[in-house]
Amino acid sequence: MDETGCASRPLPFFDARATPHPIASVLQPLRLTGDPGQVRRRDYVYAAGWADQSPFTPIYQKPSAEPGWTTHALAGGHNLMRDTPEELTKILVDVAASR
């Protein structure tokens, strides 16, 4: 916890530029509004490079089995921009170009 009590400090192995992470982003559920049929693309990027099984494996497996989803498994840990910058950038550019 940081000095405000509203964020967690970066873990020691994080990039030196990391800043405290707001706790509310973990505690508050995401609420989507509007017509889900209007979503043009559904992409899920999975960090597959954990030493042990990632806690997000079940979340990755669900859209992998559903039509309408494109899933990507990158050989990096939590910080994909640091671990696999070229691959992640390619995915993001591809998604942005499909608008």
N, C-alpha and C. Protein backbone atom coordinates (compact mmCIF):
# COMPACT_ATOMS: atom_id res chain seq x y z
N MET A 1 0.85 -1.18 0.00
CA MET A 1 0.00 0.00 0.00
C MET A 1 0.90 1.24 0.00
N ASP A 2 0.52 2.23 -0.77
CA ASP A 2 1.31 3.46 -0.75
C ASP A 2 0.85 4.36 0.39
N GLU A 3 1.46 5.53 0.50
CA GLU A 3 1.15 6.42 1.62
C GLU A 3 -0.27 6.97 1.59
N THR A 4 -0.95 6.94 0.42
CA THR A 4 -2.33 7.42 0.34
C THR A 4 -3.33 6.37 0.80
N GLY A 5 -2.93 5.10 0.77
CA GLY A 5 -3.85 4.02 1.10
C GLY A 5 -4.76 3.66 -0.06
N CYS A 6 -4.56 4.28 -1.22
CA CYS A 6 -5.42 4.05 -2.37
C CYS A 6 -4.73 3.30 -3.50
N ALA A 7 -3.48 2.96 -3.32
CA ALA A 7 -2.73 2.29 -4.39
C ALA A 7 -1.70 1.34 -3.80
N SER A 8 -1.31 0.38 -4.61
CA SER A 8 -0.25 -0.54 -4.17
C SER A 8 1.06 -0.12 -4.83
N ARG A 9 2.12 -0.23 -4.06
CA ARG A 9 3.44 0.12 -4.58
C ARG A 9 3.87 -0.90 -5.63
N PRO A 10 4.67 -0.50 -6.60
CA PRO A 10 5.18 -1.47 -7.57
C PRO A 10 6.03 -2.52 -6.88
N LEU A 11 5.97 -3.72 -7.37
CA LEU A 11 6.79 -4.80 -6.83
C LEU A 11 8.24 -4.57 -7.19
N PRO A 12 9.17 -5.10 -6.40
CA PRO A 12 10.59 -4.81 -6.62
C PRO A 12 11.12 -5.19 -8.00
N PHE A 13 10.51 -6.19 -8.65
CA PHE A 13 11.00 -6.62 -9.95
C PHE A 13 10.37 -5.84 -11.11
N PHE A 14 9.48 -4.89 -10.82
CA PHE A 14 8.87 -4.09 -11.87
C PHE A 14 9.89 -3.12 -12.46
N ASP A 15 9.58 -2.61 -13.61
CA ASP A 15 10.39 -1.60 -14.27
C ASP A 15 10.56 -0.41 -13.31
N ALA A 16 11.73 0.20 -13.32
CA ALA A 16 12.03 1.32 -12.42
C ALA A 16 11.08 2.50 -12.63
N ARG A 17 10.45 2.57 -13.79
CA ARG A 17 9.52 3.68 -14.09
C ARG A 17 8.11 3.43 -13.59
N ALA A 18 7.86 2.24 -13.03
CA ALA A 18 6.51 1.90 -12.57
C ALA A 18 6.07 2.82 -11.44
N THR A 19 4.80 3.10 -11.42
CA THR A 19 4.21 3.96 -10.38
C THR A 19 3.17 3.15 -9.60
N PRO A 20 2.71 3.65 -8.44
CA PRO A 20 1.69 2.93 -7.69
C PRO A 20 0.46 2.65 -8.55
N HIS A 21 -0.15 1.49 -8.34
CA HIS A 21 -1.33 1.06 -9.10
C HIS A 21 -2.59 1.27 -8.27
N PRO A 22 -3.58 2.01 -8.79
CA PRO A 22 -4.81 2.26 -8.02
C PRO A 22 -5.53 0.97 -7.65
N ILE A 23 -5.82 0.81 -6.38
CA ILE A 23 -6.49 -0.40 -5.90
C ILE A 23 -7.91 -0.50 -6.47
N ALA A 24 -8.55 0.62 -6.68
CA ALA A 24 -9.93 0.60 -7.20
C ALA A 24 -10.02 -0.12 -8.54
N SER A 25 -8.95 -0.10 -9.34
CA SER A 25 -9.01 -0.77 -10.64
C SER A 25 -9.11 -2.28 -10.49
N VAL A 26 -8.76 -2.80 -9.34
CA VAL A 26 -8.87 -4.23 -9.08
C VAL A 26 -10.20 -4.54 -8.38
N LEU A 27 -10.69 -3.61 -7.60
CA LEU A 27 -11.89 -3.86 -6.79
C LEU A 27 -13.19 -3.52 -7.50
N GLN A 28 -13.16 -2.59 -8.44
CA GLN A 28 -14.38 -2.17 -9.12
C GLN A 28 -14.58 -2.98 -10.40
N PRO A 29 -15.72 -3.65 -10.53
CA PRO A 29 -15.95 -4.43 -11.75
C PRO A 29 -16.16 -3.51 -12.96
N LEU A 30 -15.77 -4.01 -14.09
CA LEU A 30 -15.97 -3.29 -15.34
C LEU A 30 -17.43 -3.42 -15.74
N ARG A 31 -18.07 -2.32 -16.09
CA ARG A 31 -19.46 -2.34 -16.53
C ARG A 31 -19.52 -1.77 -17.94
N LEU A 32 -19.91 -2.60 -18.86
CA LEU A 32 -20.06 -2.16 -20.24
C LEU A 32 -21.51 -1.81 -20.49
N THR A 33 -21.72 -0.74 -21.22
CA THR A 33 -23.08 -0.32 -21.55
C THR A 33 -23.22 -0.28 -23.06
N GLY A 34 -24.43 -0.24 -23.52
CA GLY A 34 -24.67 -0.19 -24.97
C GLY A 34 -24.88 -1.57 -25.55
N ASP A 35 -24.92 -1.62 -26.84
CA ASP A 35 -25.19 -2.84 -27.58
C ASP A 35 -23.90 -3.61 -27.82
N PRO A 36 -23.73 -4.79 -27.21
CA PRO A 36 -22.49 -5.53 -27.42
C PRO A 36 -22.29 -5.95 -28.87
N GLY A 37 -23.36 -5.98 -29.64
CA GLY A 37 -23.26 -6.31 -31.06
C GLY A 37 -22.53 -5.25 -31.86
N GLN A 38 -22.36 -4.07 -31.29
CA GLN A 38 -21.67 -2.99 -31.98
C GLN A 38 -20.16 -3.04 -31.79
N VAL A 39 -19.68 -3.98 -30.99
CA VAL A 39 -18.24 -4.12 -30.79
C VAL A 39 -17.68 -4.78 -32.05
N ARG A 40 -16.80 -4.09 -32.74
CA ARG A 40 -16.27 -4.58 -34.01
C ARG A 40 -15.31 -5.74 -33.86
N ARG A 41 -14.48 -5.68 -32.84
CA ARG A 41 -13.47 -6.72 -32.63
C ARG A 41 -13.41 -7.09 -31.17
N ARG A 42 -13.10 -8.33 -30.94
CA ARG A 42 -12.89 -8.81 -29.57
C ARG A 42 -11.54 -9.52 -29.57
N ASP A 43 -10.55 -8.87 -28.98
CA ASP A 43 -9.21 -9.42 -28.91
C ASP A 43 -8.82 -9.57 -27.45
N TYR A 44 -8.15 -10.67 -27.14
CA TYR A 44 -7.63 -10.91 -25.80
C TYR A 44 -6.15 -11.22 -25.92
N VAL A 45 -5.32 -10.45 -25.22
CA VAL A 45 -3.88 -10.66 -25.23
C VAL A 45 -3.50 -11.30 -23.90
N TYR A 46 -2.89 -12.47 -24.00
CA TYR A 46 -2.55 -13.29 -22.84
C TYR A 46 -1.04 -13.31 -22.63
N ALA A 47 -0.62 -13.03 -21.42
CA ALA A 47 0.79 -13.10 -21.06
C ALA A 47 1.10 -14.55 -20.69
N ALA A 48 1.72 -15.29 -21.62
CA ALA A 48 1.93 -16.72 -21.45
C ALA A 48 3.30 -17.07 -20.88
N GLY A 49 4.12 -16.08 -20.60
CA GLY A 49 5.49 -16.37 -20.19
C GLY A 49 5.73 -16.41 -18.70
N TRP A 50 4.79 -16.84 -17.92
CA TRP A 50 4.98 -16.95 -16.47
C TRP A 50 5.79 -18.20 -16.15
N ALA A 51 6.55 -18.16 -15.08
CA ALA A 51 7.32 -19.33 -14.65
C ALA A 51 6.37 -20.47 -14.28
N ASP A 52 5.30 -20.17 -13.59
CA ASP A 52 4.25 -21.12 -13.27
C ASP A 52 3.04 -20.74 -14.12
N GLN A 53 1.96 -21.46 -13.96
CA GLN A 53 0.75 -21.13 -14.72
C GLN A 53 0.23 -19.77 -14.29
N SER A 54 -0.12 -18.97 -15.26
CA SER A 54 -0.68 -17.65 -14.99
C SER A 54 -2.04 -17.77 -14.33
N PRO A 55 -2.37 -16.85 -13.42
CA PRO A 55 -3.72 -16.86 -12.85
C PRO A 55 -4.78 -16.49 -13.88
N PHE A 56 -4.35 -16.00 -15.05
CA PHE A 56 -5.29 -15.59 -16.09
C PHE A 56 -5.55 -16.68 -17.12
N THR A 57 -4.98 -17.86 -16.94
CA THR A 57 -5.17 -18.95 -17.90
C THR A 57 -6.64 -19.28 -18.12
N PRO A 58 -7.46 -19.45 -17.08
CA PRO A 58 -8.88 -19.75 -17.32
C PRO A 58 -9.60 -18.62 -18.07
N ILE A 59 -9.20 -17.39 -17.81
CA ILE A 59 -9.82 -16.26 -18.50
C ILE A 59 -9.43 -16.28 -19.98
N TYR A 60 -8.22 -16.65 -20.29
CA TYR A 60 -7.75 -16.76 -21.67
C TYR A 60 -8.44 -17.92 -22.40
N GLN A 61 -8.63 -19.02 -21.71
CA GLN A 61 -9.22 -20.19 -22.34
C GLN A 61 -10.67 -19.96 -22.77
N LYS A 62 -11.40 -19.15 -22.03
CA LYS A 62 -12.81 -18.94 -22.37
C LYS A 62 -12.99 -18.27 -23.73
N PRO A 63 -12.39 -17.10 -23.98
CA PRO A 63 -12.60 -16.51 -25.32
C PRO A 63 -11.90 -17.30 -26.42
N SER A 64 -10.87 -18.06 -26.08
CA SER A 64 -10.19 -18.88 -27.09
C SER A 64 -11.15 -19.90 -27.70
N ALA A 65 -12.14 -20.32 -26.93
CA ALA A 65 -13.09 -21.33 -27.38
C ALA A 65 -14.38 -20.72 -27.95
N GLU A 66 -14.50 -19.39 -27.93
CA GLU A 66 -15.73 -18.76 -28.38
C GLU A 66 -15.55 -18.13 -29.76
N PRO A 67 -16.55 -18.30 -30.63
CA PRO A 67 -16.46 -17.62 -31.93
C PRO A 67 -16.54 -16.10 -31.75
N GLY A 68 -15.90 -15.39 -32.64
CA GLY A 68 -15.94 -13.94 -32.56
C GLY A 68 -14.78 -13.33 -31.79
N TRP A 69 -13.97 -14.16 -31.17
CA TRP A 69 -12.82 -13.67 -30.42
C TRP A 69 -11.53 -14.02 -31.15
N THR A 70 -10.57 -13.12 -31.08
CA THR A 70 -9.21 -13.38 -31.52
C THR A 70 -8.34 -13.33 -30.29
N THR A 71 -7.62 -14.40 -30.03
CA THR A 71 -6.76 -14.43 -28.86
C THR A 71 -5.31 -14.48 -29.30
N HIS A 72 -4.47 -13.90 -28.47
CA HIS A 72 -3.04 -13.82 -28.73
C HIS A 72 -2.32 -14.25 -27.46
N ALA A 73 -1.40 -15.19 -27.57
CA ALA A 73 -0.59 -15.62 -26.44
C ALA A 73 0.84 -15.16 -26.69
N LEU A 74 1.32 -14.25 -25.86
CA LEU A 74 2.67 -13.72 -26.02
C LEU A 74 3.58 -14.30 -24.95
N ALA A 75 4.82 -14.56 -25.32
CA ALA A 75 5.78 -15.21 -24.41
C ALA A 75 6.41 -14.19 -23.47
N GLY A 76 5.59 -13.53 -22.70
CA GLY A 76 6.07 -12.54 -21.74
C GLY A 76 5.30 -12.66 -20.45
N GLY A 77 5.77 -11.93 -19.45
CA GLY A 77 5.09 -11.90 -18.16
C GLY A 77 4.09 -10.77 -18.09
N HIS A 78 3.90 -10.22 -16.93
CA HIS A 78 2.89 -9.18 -16.70
C HIS A 78 3.13 -7.94 -17.55
N ASN A 79 4.36 -7.59 -17.78
CA ASN A 79 4.68 -6.37 -18.53
C ASN A 79 5.02 -6.73 -19.97
N LEU A 80 4.01 -6.94 -20.78
CA LEU A 80 4.22 -7.36 -22.17
C LEU A 80 4.91 -6.28 -23.00
N MET A 81 4.70 -5.03 -22.69
CA MET A 81 5.36 -3.97 -23.46
C MET A 81 6.87 -4.02 -23.24
N ARG A 82 7.29 -4.45 -22.08
CA ARG A 82 8.73 -4.61 -21.83
C ARG A 82 9.24 -5.94 -22.39
N ASP A 83 8.46 -7.01 -22.18
CA ASP A 83 8.92 -8.34 -22.52
C ASP A 83 8.79 -8.68 -24.01
N THR A 84 7.73 -8.23 -24.65
CA THR A 84 7.48 -8.56 -26.06
C THR A 84 6.99 -7.33 -26.82
N PRO A 85 7.77 -6.26 -26.84
CA PRO A 85 7.27 -5.00 -27.41
C PRO A 85 6.88 -5.09 -28.88
N GLU A 86 7.65 -5.81 -29.70
CA GLU A 86 7.33 -5.87 -31.12
C GLU A 86 6.01 -6.61 -31.37
N GLU A 87 5.84 -7.75 -30.69
CA GLU A 87 4.63 -8.53 -30.88
C GLU A 87 3.39 -7.79 -30.39
N LEU A 88 3.50 -7.16 -29.22
CA LEU A 88 2.36 -6.43 -28.68
C LEU A 88 2.02 -5.23 -29.56
N THR A 89 3.03 -4.53 -30.00
CA THR A 89 2.79 -3.37 -30.88
C THR A 89 2.09 -3.80 -32.16
N LYS A 90 2.49 -4.91 -32.74
CA LYS A 90 1.86 -5.41 -33.96
C LYS A 90 0.38 -5.67 -33.73
N ILE A 91 0.04 -6.29 -32.61
CA ILE A 91 -1.37 -6.56 -32.29
C ILE A 91 -2.14 -5.26 -32.15
N LEU A 92 -1.59 -4.32 -31.39
CA LEU A 92 -2.28 -3.04 -31.16
C LEU A 92 -2.47 -2.25 -32.45
N VAL A 93 -1.47 -2.24 -33.31
CA VAL A 93 -1.58 -1.53 -34.59
C VAL A 93 -2.63 -2.22 -35.46
N ASP A 94 -2.64 -3.55 -35.47
CA ASP A 94 -3.62 -4.28 -36.25
C ASP A 94 -5.05 -3.99 -35.79
N VAL A 95 -5.24 -3.97 -34.49
CA VAL A 95 -6.57 -3.67 -33.94
C VAL A 95 -6.98 -2.24 -34.29
N ALA A 96 -6.07 -1.29 -34.13
CA ALA A 96 -6.37 0.11 -34.43
C ALA A 96 -6.67 0.30 -35.92
N ALA A 97 -5.97 -0.43 -36.78
CA ALA A 97 -6.18 -0.30 -38.22
C ALA A 97 -7.51 -0.88 -38.68
N SER A 98 -8.10 -1.73 -37.87
CA SER A 98 -9.36 -2.38 -38.28
C SER A 98 -10.57 -1.51 -38.00
N ARG A 99 -10.38 -0.34 -37.52
CA ARG A 99 -11.50 0.56 -37.20
C ARG A 99 -12.26 0.87 -38.41
